[in-house]
């Protein structure tokens, strides 16, 4: 990616994040621990890392694991299995 492409990519990401701010804030309400908050922040750092060709994969992986972590906290296996 050249410098212009990087700038366009980052501007596009920032626009998408700005347009979805309400959704992000709703999701953030479910984050209770520092671990969950740090993981959520790290997901977006991964997404914005223009030099990493796996940024989308990493973002998706982190969000998937974060959702799994939150669901296990909200509905522990021992409560669901009963």
Protein backbone atom coordinates (compact mmCIF):
# COMPACT_ATOMS: atom_id res chain seq x y z
CA UNK A 1 0.00 0.00 0.00
CA UNK A 2 1.28 3.43 -0.80
CA UNK A 3 0.83 6.45 1.44
CA UNK A 4 -2.35 7.65 -0.33
CA UNK A 5 -3.92 4.20 -0.04
CA UNK A 6 -3.07 4.07 3.66
CA UNK A 7 -4.67 7.45 4.26
CA UNK A 8 -7.80 6.48 2.31
CA UNK A 9 -8.02 3.19 4.22
CA UNK A 10 -7.68 4.87 7.62
CA UNK A 11 -10.20 7.56 6.67
CA UNK A 12 -12.62 4.85 5.58
CA UNK A 13 -12.15 2.96 8.85
CA UNK A 14 -12.66 6.10 10.90
CA UNK A 15 -15.82 6.92 8.94
CA UNK A 16 -17.19 3.41 9.52
CA UNK A 17 -16.39 3.62 13.23
CA UNK A 18 -18.01 7.05 13.48
CA UNK A 19 -21.14 5.86 11.66
CA UNK A 20 -21.43 2.88 14.01
CA UNK A 21 -20.58 4.68 17.24
CA UNK A 22 -24.00 3.88 18.76
CA UNK A 23 -23.56 0.16 18.09
CA UNK A 24 -20.06 0.21 19.56
CA UNK A 25 -21.32 2.00 22.68
CA UNK A 26 -24.10 -0.58 23.13
CA UNK A 27 -21.54 -3.38 22.89
CA UNK A 28 -19.24 -1.60 25.36
CA UNK A 29 -21.99 -1.74 28.02
CA UNK A 30 -21.42 -5.50 28.24
CA UNK A 31 -17.70 -5.10 28.97
CA UNK A 32 -17.20 -5.43 32.72
CA UNK A 33 -13.60 -6.44 33.35
CA UNK A 34 -10.39 -4.69 32.40
CA UNK A 35 -9.51 -7.77 30.36
CA UNK A 36 -12.68 -7.41 28.27
CA UNK A 37 -12.16 -3.68 27.79
CA UNK A 38 -8.50 -4.14 26.81
CA UNK A 39 -9.41 -6.92 24.39
CA UNK A 40 -12.09 -4.75 22.77
CA UNK A 41 -9.62 -1.91 22.34
CA UNK A 42 -6.99 -4.28 20.95
CA UNK A 43 -9.47 -5.52 18.35
CA UNK A 44 -9.75 -2.03 16.89
CA UNK A 45 -5.98 -1.49 17.03
CA UNK A 46 -5.69 -4.67 14.96
CA UNK A 47 -8.25 -3.38 12.48
CA UNK A 48 -6.42 -0.08 12.02
CA UNK A 49 -2.95 -1.64 11.60
CA UNK A 50 -2.50 -0.85 7.92
CA UNK A 51 0.82 -2.72 7.73
CA UNK A 52 -0.70 -6.01 8.86
CA UNK A 53 -2.24 -8.02 6.01
CA UNK A 54 -4.07 -10.15 8.61
CA UNK A 55 -5.73 -7.18 10.33
CA UNK A 56 -9.26 -8.25 9.37
CA UNK A 57 -8.63 -11.83 10.46
CA UNK A 58 -7.17 -10.65 13.76
CA UNK A 59 -10.04 -8.24 14.37
CA UNK A 60 -12.61 -10.97 13.70
CA UNK A 61 -10.79 -13.49 15.87
CA UNK A 62 -10.54 -11.08 18.82
CA UNK A 63 -14.20 -10.07 18.58
CA UNK A 64 -15.29 -13.72 18.35
CA UNK A 65 -13.26 -14.65 21.43
CA UNK A 66 -14.49 -11.57 23.30
CA UNK A 67 -18.12 -12.45 22.59
CA UNK A 68 -17.47 -16.01 23.74
CA UNK A 69 -15.88 -14.70 26.93
CA UNK A 70 -18.82 -12.36 27.63
CA UNK A 71 -21.41 -15.08 26.96
CA UNK A 72 -19.62 -17.48 29.33
CA UNK A 73 -19.62 -14.78 32.00
CA UNK A 74 -23.30 -13.96 31.50
CA UNK A 75 -24.41 -17.58 31.16
CA UNK A 76 -21.91 -20.00 32.74
CA UNK A 77 -22.03 -23.56 31.39
CA UNK A 78 -23.19 -24.98 34.71
CA UNK A 79 -26.23 -22.68 34.67
CA UNK A 80 -27.11 -23.34 31.05
CA UNK A 81 -26.78 -27.11 31.22
CA UNK A 82 -29.27 -27.41 34.11
